[in-house]
Amino acid sequence: MRFHLTRFALATGFALTEHGRNRFAMVLVILFVPVWTTLAYLAMPDTPARMQLHATGETLAPRGNELTEISGALNSVTLITGFMMFAATFSGNRFDRRLAMAGYPRAHLVLAKVTALALISAAVAAYATAVTCLAWTPRQPLLLTGALFSAGLTYGALGVGFGSVLRREVEGMFAIVMTSIIDLALQNPVTSSGADNPVMRYLPSYGAMQAGTAAGFSTTAVPRCLALQLVWFAGAAFIALVGFGRSTRSALPATAQDPEPGPENPEPGPESGAPSLPTPRQAAAPSAAASDTRAH
């Protein structure tokens, strides 16, 4: 048990150190979250937007700027967590591969990435909730934090998958940005007239968006939405696990070790069809006559 804990703690330290070196991500967390949510709150009109919350069946009329701020908070959390996990995976692929080829357990590396993702998502979600509460007070702040946290987990796992599969950094960044924008923009009734379309239920952050909307404007708990978002996280984590296993596999040809000679595996010789190296010739022992000649 101590061996596994030591390996897990060491791998987690590697993962957190890699994230700590990403100063640009730290700047995004500190500045991008408040700027994006504040602009969404100030720029959008406060006209009530009538909508039906599918999670509870209620008909709500939230202010457009408050609803857009929740969507902006989700967008910022998903972008930051996805970007951080993608950057760490993309830049650390070679290091993880060397560790795996040196015999470091892959399970510990995967658990370390999940732990780092959970810590990052929790910190960014709590920060985004605090920033949102500066402008107005949601009815269920803890539920809002849970919605942001689950959305961050999902996009962080997608970031790991993109970082393991894609070959260029710009490809991964474009994939994360476009996925998050399309996903959340279509679900906001202020910016999309088709937000009530049943197709929206198949989007990656549908559960988080429903839970975040309920947290802001309803007093009803929606654990099913959080569970649905965790299902999306499990699917994204499976894709990331497959990509991680593919990126850390050995590129050396698989060669079997030479088995010990025995009745089932005889030594190669001239009678066997297997190729064998010739036996080195040994010098002949000097004869007795040659020894006497040298002595005389």
C-alpha atoms as a PDB file:
ATOM      1  CA  MET A   1       0.000   0.000   0.000  1.00  0.00           C
ATOM      2  CA  ARG A   2       2.825   2.384   0.851  1.00  0.00           C
ATOM      3  CA  PHE A   3       4.418   1.696  -2.543  1.00  0.00           C
ATOM      4  CA  HIS A   4       1.208   2.688  -4.376  1.00  0.00           C
ATOM      5  CA  LEU A   5       0.693   5.803  -2.257  1.00  0.00           C
ATOM      6  CA  THR A   6       4.264   6.912  -2.869  1.00  0.00           C
ATOM      7  CA  ARG A   7       3.960   6.428  -6.623  1.00  0.00           C
ATOM      8  CA  PHE A   8       0.586   8.187  -6.677  1.00  0.00           C
ATOM      9  CA  ALA A   9       1.861  11.150  -4.626  1.00  0.00           C
ATOM     10  CA  LEU A  10       4.940  11.481  -6.836  1.00  0.00           C
ATOM     11  CA  ALA A  11       2.879  11.400 -10.053  1.00  0.00           C
ATOM     12  CA  THR A  12       0.426  13.931  -8.615  1.00  0.00           C
ATOM     13  CA  GLY A  13       3.322  16.214  -7.763  1.00  0.00           C
ATOM     14  CA  PHE A  14       4.554  15.951 -11.352  1.00  0.00           C
ATOM     15  CA  ALA A  15       1.091  16.836 -12.682  1.00  0.00           C
ATOM     16  CA  LEU A  16       0.584  19.818 -10.376  1.00  0.00           C
ATOM     17  CA  THR A  17       4.088  21.108 -11.101  1.00  0.00           C
ATOM     18  CA  GLU A  18       3.344  20.986 -14.817  1.00  0.00           C
ATOM     19  CA  HIS A  19       0.168  23.035 -14.291  1.00  0.00           C
ATOM     20  CA  GLY A  20       1.986  25.475 -12.033  1.00  0.00           C
ATOM     21  CA  ARG A  21       4.455  26.245 -14.810  1.00  0.00           C
ATOM     22  CA  ASN A  22       1.617  27.288 -17.117  1.00  0.00           C
ATOM     23  CA  ARG A  23       1.595  30.955 -16.160  1.00  0.00           C
ATOM     24  CA  PHE A  24      -0.674  31.890 -19.026  1.00  0.00           C
ATOM     25  CA  ALA A  25      -3.357  29.599 -17.591  1.00  0.00           C
ATOM     26  CA  MET A  26      -2.982  31.281 -14.208  1.00  0.00           C
ATOM     27  CA  VAL A  27      -3.530  34.657 -15.861  1.00  0.00           C
ATOM     28  CA  LEU A  28      -6.634  33.303 -17.576  1.00  0.00           C
ATOM     29  CA  VAL A  29      -8.049  32.082 -14.282  1.00  0.00           C
ATOM     30  CA  ILE A  30      -7.441  35.400 -12.548  1.00  0.00           C
ATOM     31  CA  LEU A  31      -8.536  37.741 -15.342  1.00  0.00           C
ATOM     32  CA  PHE A  32     -10.605  35.863 -17.912  1.00  0.00           C
ATOM     33  CA  VAL A  33     -13.265  34.582 -15.503  1.00  0.00           C
ATOM     34  CA  PRO A  34     -14.231  37.971 -13.983  1.00  0.00           C
ATOM     35  CA  VAL A  35     -13.879  39.844 -17.278  1.00  0.00           C
ATOM     36  CA  TRP A  36     -16.040  37.431 -19.259  1.00  0.00           C
ATOM     37  CA  THR A  37     -18.768  37.059 -16.619  1.00  0.00           C
ATOM     38  CA  THR A  38     -18.859  40.792 -15.879  1.00  0.00           C
ATOM     39  CA  LEU A  39     -19.104  41.734 -19.547  1.00  0.00           C
ATOM     40  CA  ALA A  40     -21.896  39.207 -20.028  1.00  0.00           C
ATOM     41  CA  TYR A  41     -23.768  40.738 -17.103  1.00  0.00           C
ATOM     42  CA  LEU A  42     -23.270  44.377 -18.145  1.00  0.00           C
ATOM     43  CA  ALA A  43     -23.576  44.089 -21.918  1.00  0.00           C
ATOM     44  CA  MET A  44     -26.661  41.889 -22.165  1.00  0.00           C
ATOM     45  CA  PRO A  45     -30.105  43.440 -21.568  1.00  0.00           C
ATOM     46  CA  ASP A  46     -31.859  42.664 -18.316  1.00  0.00           C
ATOM     47  CA  THR A  47     -35.142  41.928 -20.099  1.00  0.00           C
ATOM     48  CA  PRO A  48     -36.757  38.748 -18.706  1.00  0.00           C
ATOM     49  CA  ALA A  49     -36.344  35.755 -21.015  1.00  0.00           C
ATOM     50  CA  ARG A  50     -39.229  33.350 -20.680  1.00  0.00           C
ATOM     51  CA  MET A  51     -38.075  29.742 -20.760  1.00  0.00           C
ATOM     52  CA  GLN A  52     -39.012  26.284 -19.553  1.00  0.00           C
ATOM     53  CA  LEU A  53     -36.508  24.520 -17.358  1.00  0.00           C
ATOM     54  CA  HIS A  54     -36.650  20.876 -18.432  1.00  0.00           C
ATOM     55  CA  ALA A  55     -34.868  19.714 -15.290  1.00  0.00           C
ATOM     56  CA  THR A  56     -37.768  20.757 -13.033  1.00  0.00           C
ATOM     57  CA  GLY A  57     -40.610  21.395 -15.486  1.00  0.00           C
ATOM     58  CA  GLU A  58     -40.936  24.986 -14.249  1.00  0.00           C
ATOM     59  CA  THR A  59     -41.557  27.973 -16.469  1.00  0.00           C
ATOM     60  CA  LEU A  60     -39.074  30.685 -15.527  1.00  0.00           C
ATOM     61  CA  ALA A  61     -38.499  34.258 -16.598  1.00  0.00           C
ATOM     62  CA  PRO A  62     -34.914  35.079 -15.567  1.00  0.00           C
ATOM     63  CA  ARG A  63     -33.199  38.278 -16.542  1.00  0.00           C
ATOM     64  CA  GLY A  64     -31.254  37.955 -19.737  1.00  0.00           C
ATOM     65  CA  ASN A  65     -28.016  39.304 -18.307  1.00  0.00           C
ATOM     66  CA  GLU A  66     -28.116  36.981 -15.301  1.00  0.00           C
ATOM     67  CA  LEU A  67     -28.805  33.939 -17.456  1.00  0.00           C
ATOM     68  CA  THR A  68     -26.030  34.932 -19.845  1.00  0.00           C
ATOM     69  CA  GLU A  69     -23.651  35.368 -16.921  1.00  0.00           C
ATOM     70  CA  ILE A  70     -24.282  31.754 -15.883  1.00  0.00           C
ATOM     71  CA  SER A  71     -23.630  30.665 -19.455  1.00  0.00           C
ATOM     72  CA  GLY A  72     -20.477  32.804 -19.500  1.00  0.00           C
ATOM     73  CA  ALA A  73     -19.265  31.290 -16.229  1.00  0.00           C
ATOM     74  CA  LEU A  74     -19.743  27.806 -17.664  1.00  0.00           C
ATOM     75  CA  ASN A  75     -17.964  28.839 -20.838  1.00  0.00           C
ATOM     76  CA  SER A  76     -14.991  30.277 -18.958  1.00  0.00           C
ATOM     77  CA  VAL A  77     -14.653  27.239 -16.665  1.00  0.00           C
ATOM     78  CA  THR A  78     -14.817  24.762 -19.539  1.00  0.00           C
ATOM     79  CA  LEU A  79     -12.332  26.722 -21.630  1.00  0.00           C
ATOM     80  CA  ILE A  80      -9.807  27.111 -18.807  1.00  0.00           C
ATOM     81  CA  THR A  81      -9.932  23.522 -17.557  1.00  0.00           C
ATOM     82  CA  GLY A  82      -9.888  22.137 -21.082  1.00  0.00           C
ATOM     83  CA  PHE A  83      -6.954  24.361 -22.020  1.00  0.00           C
ATOM     84  CA  MET A  84      -4.952  23.542 -18.886  1.00  0.00           C
ATOM     85  CA  MET A  85      -5.385  19.791 -19.214  1.00  0.00           C
ATOM     86  CA  PHE A  86      -4.674  19.882 -22.942  1.00  0.00           C
ATOM     87  CA  ALA A  87      -1.512  21.950 -22.491  1.00  0.00           C
ATOM     88  CA  ALA A  88      -0.218  19.709 -19.696  1.00  0.00           C
ATOM     89  CA  THR A  89      -0.952  16.528 -21.658  1.00  0.00           C
ATOM     90  CA  PHE A  90       0.421  17.851 -24.946  1.00  0.00           C
ATOM     91  CA  SER A  91       3.701  19.038 -23.430  1.00  0.00           C
ATOM     92  CA  GLY A  92       4.085  16.090 -21.055  1.00  0.00           C
ATOM     93  CA  ASN A  93       3.423  13.267 -23.495  1.00  0.00           C
ATOM     94  CA  ARG A  94       7.096  12.425 -23.906  1.00  0.00           C
ATOM     95  CA  PHE A  95       7.722  12.552 -20.180  1.00  0.00           C
ATOM     96  CA  ASP A  96       4.752  10.272 -19.442  1.00  0.00           C
ATOM     97  CA  ARG A  97       5.888   7.915 -22.166  1.00  0.00           C
ATOM     98  CA  ARG A  98       9.368   7.676 -20.727  1.00  0.00           C
ATOM     99  CA  LEU A  99       7.969   7.014 -17.269  1.00  0.00           C
ATOM    100  CA  ALA A 100       5.702   4.271 -18.603  1.00  0.00           C
ATOM    101  CA  MET A 101       8.535   2.667 -20.592  1.00  0.00           C
ATOM    102  CA  ALA A 102      10.740   2.796 -17.489  1.00  0.00           C
ATOM    103  CA  GLY A 103       8.163   0.748 -15.599  1.00  0.00           C
ATOM    104  CA  TYR A 104       6.201   3.469 -13.818  1.00  0.00           C
ATOM    105  CA  PRO A 105       2.619   2.197 -13.334  1.00  0.00           C
ATOM    106  CA  ARG A 106       0.241   3.812 -15.809  1.00  0.00           C
ATOM    107  CA  ALA A 107      -2.621   3.566 -13.321  1.00  0.00           C
ATOM    108  CA  HIS A 108      -0.820   5.942 -10.974  1.00  0.00           C
ATOM    109  CA  LEU A 109      -0.199   8.400 -13.813  1.00  0.00           C
ATOM    110  CA  VAL A 110      -3.881   8.332 -14.774  1.00  0.00           C
ATOM    111  CA  LEU A 111      -5.067   8.777 -11.182  1.00  0.00           C
ATOM    112  CA  ALA A 112      -2.659  11.684 -10.777  1.00  0.00           C
ATOM    113  CA  LYS A 113      -4.135  13.419 -13.824  1.00  0.00           C
ATOM    114  CA  VAL A 114      -7.664  12.867 -12.514  1.00  0.00           C
ATOM    115  CA  THR A 115      -6.683  14.269  -9.116  1.00  0.00           C
ATOM    116  CA  ALA A 116      -5.090  17.338 -10.695  1.00  0.00           C
ATOM    117  CA  LEU A 117      -8.178  17.814 -12.871  1.00  0.00           C
ATOM    118  CA  ALA A 118     -10.491  17.600  -9.863  1.00  0.00           C
ATOM    119  CA  LEU A 119      -8.441  20.136  -7.903  1.00  0.00           C
ATOM    120  CA  ILE A 120      -8.282  22.558 -10.821  1.00  0.00           C
ATOM    121  CA  SER A 121     -12.000  22.237 -11.589  1.00  0.00           C
ATOM    122  CA  ALA A 122     -12.931  22.758  -7.942  1.00  0.00           C
ATOM    123  CA  ALA A 123     -10.755  25.864  -7.617  1.00  0.00           C
ATOM    124  CA  VAL A 124     -11.950  27.459 -10.861  1.00  0.00           C
ATOM    125  CA  ALA A 125     -15.602  26.595 -10.126  1.00  0.00           C
ATOM    126  CA  ALA A 126     -15.447  28.136  -6.646  1.00  0.00           C
ATOM    127  CA  TYR A 127     -13.760  31.244  -8.056  1.00  0.00           C
ATOM    128  CA  ALA A 128     -16.351  31.629 -10.827  1.00  0.00           C
ATOM    129  CA  THR A 129     -19.188  31.221  -8.318  1.00  0.00           C
ATOM    130  CA  ALA A 130     -17.684  33.903  -6.079  1.00  0.00           C
ATOM    131  CA  VAL A 131     -17.349  36.277  -9.031  1.00  0.00           C
ATOM    132  CA  THR A 132     -20.965  35.631 -10.040  1.00  0.00           C
ATOM    133  CA  CYS A 133     -22.193  36.352  -6.524  1.00  0.00           C
ATOM    134  CA  LEU A 134     -20.573  39.801  -6.661  1.00  0.00           C
ATOM    135  CA  ALA A 135     -23.154  40.941  -9.226  1.00  0.00           C
ATOM    136  CA  TRP A 136     -26.244  39.084  -7.993  1.00  0.00           C
ATOM    137  CA  THR A 137     -27.021  36.212  -5.659  1.00  0.00           C
ATOM    138  CA  PRO A 138     -28.096  32.863  -7.134  1.00  0.00           C
ATOM    139  CA  ARG A 139     -30.693  30.973  -5.165  1.00  0.00           C
ATOM    140  CA  GLN A 140     -28.498  27.883  -4.805  1.00  0.00           C
ATOM    141  CA  PRO A 141     -24.809  28.886  -4.864  1.00  0.00           C
ATOM    142  CA  LEU A 142     -23.585  25.396  -3.932  1.00  0.00           C
ATOM    143  CA  LEU A 143     -25.539  23.853  -6.790  1.00  0.00           C
ATOM    144  CA  LEU A 144     -24.019  26.427  -9.143  1.00  0.00           C
ATOM    145  CA  THR A 145     -20.558  25.432  -7.945  1.00  0.00           C
ATOM    146  CA  GLY A 146     -21.409  21.780  -8.534  1.00  0.00           C
ATOM    147  CA  ALA A 147     -22.598  22.547 -12.062  1.00  0.00           C
ATOM    148  CA  LEU A 148     -19.419  24.468 -12.869  1.00  0.00           C
ATOM    149  CA  PHE A 149     -17.291  21.740 -11.298  1.00  0.00           C
ATOM    150  CA  SER A 150     -18.894  18.916 -13.297  1.00  0.00           C
ATOM    151  CA  ALA A 151     -18.611  20.900 -16.533  1.00  0.00           C
ATOM    152  CA  GLY A 152     -14.936  21.548 -15.799  1.00  0.00           C
ATOM    153  CA  LEU A 153     -14.354  17.832 -15.233  1.00  0.00           C
ATOM    154  CA  THR A 154     -15.932  16.989 -18.585  1.00  0.00           C
ATOM    155  CA  TYR A 155     -13.935  19.478 -20.616  1.00  0.00           C
ATOM    156  CA  GLY A 156     -10.758  18.711 -18.698  1.00  0.00           C
ATOM    157  CA  ALA A 157     -11.103  15.063 -19.699  1.00  0.00           C
ATOM    158  CA  LEU A 158     -11.724  16.164 -23.282  1.00  0.00           C
ATOM    159  CA  GLY A 159      -8.556  18.242 -23.064  1.00  0.00           C
ATOM    160  CA  VAL A 160      -6.567  15.174 -22.017  1.00  0.00           C
ATOM    161  CA  GLY A 161      -8.056  13.232 -24.929  1.00  0.00           C
ATOM    162  CA  PHE A 162      -7.247  15.995 -27.411  1.00  0.00           C
ATOM    163  CA  GLY A 163      -3.721  16.309 -26.043  1.00  0.00           C
ATOM    164  CA  SER A 164      -3.100  12.582 -26.439  1.00  0.00           C
ATOM    165  CA  VAL A 165      -4.490  12.280 -29.970  1.00  0.00           C
ATOM    166  CA  LEU A 166      -3.866  15.555 -31.805  1.00  0.00           C
ATOM    167  CA  ARG A 167      -0.430  16.313 -33.186  1.00  0.00           C
ATOM    168  CA  ARG A 168      -0.475  20.119 -33.179  1.00  0.00           C
ATOM    169  CA  GLU A 169      -1.188  22.513 -30.352  1.00  0.00           C
ATOM    170  CA  VAL A 170      -3.356  24.806 -32.472  1.00  0.00           C
ATOM    171  CA  GLU A 171      -5.611  21.872 -33.368  1.00  0.00           C
ATOM    172  CA  GLY A 172      -6.354  21.106 -29.741  1.00  0.00           C
ATOM    173  CA  MET A 173      -6.979  24.733 -28.843  1.00  0.00           C
ATOM    174  CA  PHE A 174      -9.368  25.154 -31.764  1.00  0.00           C
ATOM    175  CA  ALA A 175     -11.215  21.954 -30.857  1.00  0.00           C
ATOM    176  CA  ILE A 176     -11.712  23.008 -27.225  1.00  0.00           C
ATOM    177  CA  VAL A 177     -12.781  26.575 -28.045  1.00  0.00           C
ATOM    178  CA  MET A 178     -15.242  25.640 -30.767  1.00  0.00           C
ATOM    179  CA  THR A 179     -16.748  22.773 -28.773  1.00  0.00           C
ATOM    180  CA  SER A 180     -17.378  24.987 -25.741  1.00  0.00           C
ATOM    181  CA  ILE A 181     -18.758  27.924 -27.733  1.00  0.00           C
ATOM    182  CA  ILE A 182     -21.154  25.852 -29.827  1.00  0.00           C
ATOM    183  CA  ASP A 183     -22.187  23.757 -26.833  1.00  0.00           C
ATOM    184  CA  LEU A 184     -23.157  26.644 -24.553  1.00  0.00           C
ATOM    185  CA  ALA A 185     -24.303  29.216 -27.103  1.00  0.00           C
ATOM    186  CA  LEU A 186     -27.006  26.909 -28.420  1.00  0.00           C
ATOM    187  CA  GLN A 187     -28.412  26.314 -24.925  1.00  0.00           C
ATOM    188  CA  ASN A 188     -28.829  29.981 -23.993  1.00  0.00           C
ATOM    189  CA  PRO A 189     -32.383  31.119 -24.847  1.00  0.00           C
ATOM    190  CA  VAL A 190     -31.184  34.729 -24.990  1.00  0.00           C
ATOM    191  CA  THR A 191     -28.854  34.035 -27.917  1.00  0.00           C
ATOM    192  CA  SER A 192     -30.505  30.960 -29.439  1.00  0.00           C
ATOM    193  CA  SER A 193     -34.140  30.544 -30.437  1.00  0.00           C
ATOM    194  CA  GLY A 194     -33.743  26.764 -30.510  1.00  0.00           C
ATOM    195  CA  ALA A 195     -32.689  26.342 -26.883  1.00  0.00           C
ATOM    196  CA  ASP A 196     -35.804  24.228 -26.206  1.00  0.00           C
ATOM    197  CA  ASN A 197     -35.008  21.809 -29.020  1.00  0.00           C
ATOM    198  CA  PRO A 198     -34.737  18.184 -27.780  1.00  0.00           C
ATOM    199  CA  VAL A 199     -31.404  17.891 -29.593  1.00  0.00           C
ATOM    200  CA  MET A 200     -29.856  20.103 -26.906  1.00  0.00           C
ATOM    201  CA  ARG A 201     -30.050  17.183 -24.484  1.00  0.00           C
ATOM    202  CA  TYR A 202     -27.196  15.470 -26.312  1.00  0.00           C
ATOM    203  CA  LEU A 203     -24.729  18.340 -25.895  1.00  0.00           C
ATOM    204  CA  PRO A 204     -21.766  17.779 -23.548  1.00  0.00           C
ATOM    205  CA  SER A 205     -22.715  20.445 -20.982  1.00  0.00           C
ATOM    206  CA  TYR A 206     -26.496  20.039 -21.066  1.00  0.00           C
ATOM    207  CA  GLY A 207     -26.650  18.694 -17.515  1.00  0.00           C
ATOM    208  CA  ALA A 208     -24.420  21.478 -16.199  1.00  0.00           C
ATOM    209  CA  MET A 209     -26.424  24.166 -17.971  1.00  0.00           C
ATOM    210  CA  GLN A 210     -29.690  22.833 -16.583  1.00  0.00           C
ATOM    211  CA  ALA A 211     -28.228  22.565 -13.087  1.00  0.00           C
ATOM    212  CA  GLY A 212     -26.708  26.056 -13.316  1.00  0.00           C
ATOM    213  CA  THR A 213     -29.994  27.572 -14.461  1.00  0.00           C
ATOM    214  CA  ALA A 214     -31.851  25.822 -11.642  1.00  0.00           C
ATOM    215  CA  ALA A 215     -29.215  27.045  -9.191  1.00  0.00           C
ATOM    216  CA  GLY A 216     -29.697  30.629 -10.291  1.00  0.00           C
ATOM    217  CA  PHE A 217     -33.470  30.908 -10.538  1.00  0.00           C
ATOM    218  CA  SER A 218     -35.086  27.940  -8.784  1.00  0.00           C
ATOM    219  CA  THR A 219     -35.088  26.408  -5.327  1.00  0.00           C
ATOM    220  CA  THR A 220     -35.463  22.841  -6.604  1.00  0.00           C
ATOM    221  CA  ALA A 221     -32.460  20.561  -6.442  1.00  0.00           C
ATOM    222  CA  VAL A 222     -31.613  18.722  -9.658  1.00  0.00           C
ATOM    223  CA  PRO A 223     -29.273  15.829  -8.811  1.00  0.00           C
ATOM    224  CA  ARG A 224     -30.209  14.051 -12.038  1.00  0.00           C
ATOM    225  CA  CYS A 225     -28.631  16.826 -14.083  1.00  0.00           C
ATOM    226  CA  LEU A 226     -25.383  16.564 -12.151  1.00  0.00           C
ATOM    227  CA  ALA A 227     -25.473  12.788 -12.578  1.00  0.00           C
ATOM    228  CA  LEU A 228     -25.996  13.255 -16.325  1.00  0.00           C
ATOM    229  CA  GLN A 229     -22.993  15.558 -16.460  1.00  0.00           C
ATOM    230  CA  LEU A 230     -20.899  12.990 -14.614  1.00  0.00           C
ATOM    231  CA  VAL A 231     -21.917  10.432 -17.237  1.00  0.00           C
ATOM    232  CA  TRP A 232     -20.524  12.767 -19.871  1.00  0.00           C
ATOM    233  CA  PHE A 233     -17.362  13.054 -17.782  1.00  0.00           C
ATOM    234  CA  ALA A 234     -17.071   9.258 -17.630  1.00  0.00           C
ATOM    235  CA  GLY A 235     -17.387   9.033 -21.416  1.00  0.00           C
ATOM    236  CA  ALA A 236     -14.813  11.771 -21.964  1.00  0.00           C
ATOM    237  CA  ALA A 237     -12.508  10.156 -19.401  1.00  0.00           C
ATOM    238  CA  PHE A 238     -12.727   6.839 -21.260  1.00  0.00           C
ATOM    239  CA  ILE A 239     -11.709   8.562 -24.498  1.00  0.00           C
ATOM    240  CA  ALA A 240      -8.869  10.284 -22.659  1.00  0.00           C
ATOM    241  CA  LEU A 241      -7.770   6.968 -21.149  1.00  0.00           C
ATOM    242  CA  VAL A 242      -7.632   5.315 -24.566  1.00  0.00           C
ATOM    243  CA  GLY A 243      -5.675   8.251 -25.990  1.00  0.00           C
ATOM    244  CA  PHE A 244      -3.296   8.264 -23.026  1.00  0.00           C
ATOM    245  CA  GLY A 245      -2.660   4.554 -23.384  1.00  0.00           C
ATOM    246  CA  ARG A 246      -1.974   5.012 -27.067  1.00  0.00           C
ATOM    247  CA  SER A 247       0.426   7.918 -26.543  1.00  0.00           C
ATOM    248  CA  THR A 248       2.419   6.162 -23.796  1.00  0.00           C
ATOM    249  CA  ARG A 249       2.786   2.790 -25.472  1.00  0.00           C
ATOM    250  CA  SER A 250       6.236   1.681 -26.499  1.00  0.00           C
ATOM    251  CA  ALA A 251       7.261   2.197 -30.107  1.00  0.00           C
ATOM    252  CA  LEU A 252       9.870  -0.540 -29.889  1.00  0.00           C
ATOM    253  CA  PRO A 253       9.085  -3.833 -31.648  1.00  0.00           C
ATOM    254  CA  ALA A 254       7.739  -6.483 -29.319  1.00  0.00           C
ATOM    255  CA  THR A 255      10.420  -9.190 -29.180  1.00  0.00           C
ATOM    256  CA  ALA A 256      10.031 -12.252 -27.073  1.00  0.00           C
ATOM    257  CA  GLN A 257      12.759 -13.145 -24.619  1.00  0.00           C
ATOM    258  CA  ASP A 258      14.874 -16.186 -25.440  1.00  0.00           C
ATOM    259  CA  PRO A 259      13.391 -19.115 -23.498  1.00  0.00           C
ATOM    260  CA  GLU A 260      15.598 -21.404 -21.525  1.00  0.00           C
ATOM    261  CA  PRO A 261      16.470 -24.612 -23.341  1.00  0.00           C
ATOM    262  CA  GLY A 262      14.356 -27.552 -22.369  1.00  0.00           C
ATOM    263  CA  PRO A 263      12.361 -30.409 -23.802  1.00  0.00           C
ATOM    264  CA  GLU A 264       9.823 -28.003 -25.325  1.00  0.00           C
ATOM    265  CA  ASN A 265      12.413 -25.394 -26.394  1.00  0.00           C
ATOM    266  CA  PRO A 266      15.571 -27.280 -27.498  1.00  0.00           C
ATOM    267  CA  GLU A 267      18.738 -25.441 -28.211  1.00  0.00           C
ATOM    268  CA  PRO A 268      19.097 -24.515 -31.882  1.00  0.00           C
ATOM    269  CA  GLY A 269      21.478 -26.744 -33.745  1.00  0.00           C
ATOM    270  CA  PRO A 270      22.178 -28.032 -37.197  1.00  0.00           C
ATOM    271  CA  GLU A 271      19.163 -30.358 -37.092  1.00  0.00           C
ATOM    272  CA  SER A 272      16.694 -27.634 -36.243  1.00  0.00           C
ATOM    273  CA  GLY A 273      15.423 -25.227 -38.825  1.00  0.00           C
ATOM    274  CA  ALA A 274      16.028 -22.213 -36.581  1.00  0.00           C
ATOM    275  CA  PRO A 275      19.075 -20.102 -37.427  1.00  0.00           C
ATOM    276  CA  SER A 276      21.946 -20.356 -34.970  1.00  0.00           C
ATOM    277  CA  LEU A 277      25.315 -18.756 -34.511  1.00  0.00           C
ATOM    278  CA  PRO A 278      28.369 -20.977 -35.157  1.00  0.00           C
ATOM    279  CA  THR A 279      30.160 -22.247 -32.102  1.00  0.00           C
ATOM    280  CA  PRO A 280      33.485 -20.448 -31.664  1.00  0.00           C
ATOM    281  CA  ARG A 281      36.495 -22.618 -32.354  1.00  0.00           C
ATOM    282  CA  GLN A 282      38.822 -23.292 -29.450  1.00  0.00           C
ATOM    283  CA  ALA A 283      42.579 -23.685 -29.791  1.00  0.00           C
ATOM    284  CA  ALA A 284      43.771 -27.286 -29.645  1.00  0.00           C
ATOM    285  CA  ALA A 285      45.739 -28.358 -26.603  1.00  0.00           C
ATOM    286  CA  PRO A 286      49.481 -28.737 -27.268  1.00  0.00           C
ATOM    287  CA  SER A 287      50.637 -32.304 -27.800  1.00  0.00           C
ATOM    288  CA  ALA A 288      53.158 -34.081 -25.569  1.00  0.00           C
ATOM    289  CA  ALA A 289      55.729 -34.246 -28.388  1.00  0.00           C
ATOM    290  CA  ALA A 290      55.523 -30.502 -28.961  1.00  0.00           C
ATOM    291  CA  SER A 291      56.035 -29.910 -25.266  1.00  0.00           C
ATOM    292  CA  ASP A 292      59.179 -32.095 -25.209  1.00  0.00           C
ATOM    293  CA  THR A 293      60.581 -30.333 -28.283  1.00  0.00           C
ATOM    294  CA  ARG A 294      60.129 -26.938 -26.634  1.00  0.00           C
ATOM    295  CA  ALA A 295      61.711 -28.221 -23.449  1.00  0.00           C
ATOM    296  CA  HIS A 296      64.853 -29.338 -25.355  1.00  0.00           C
END
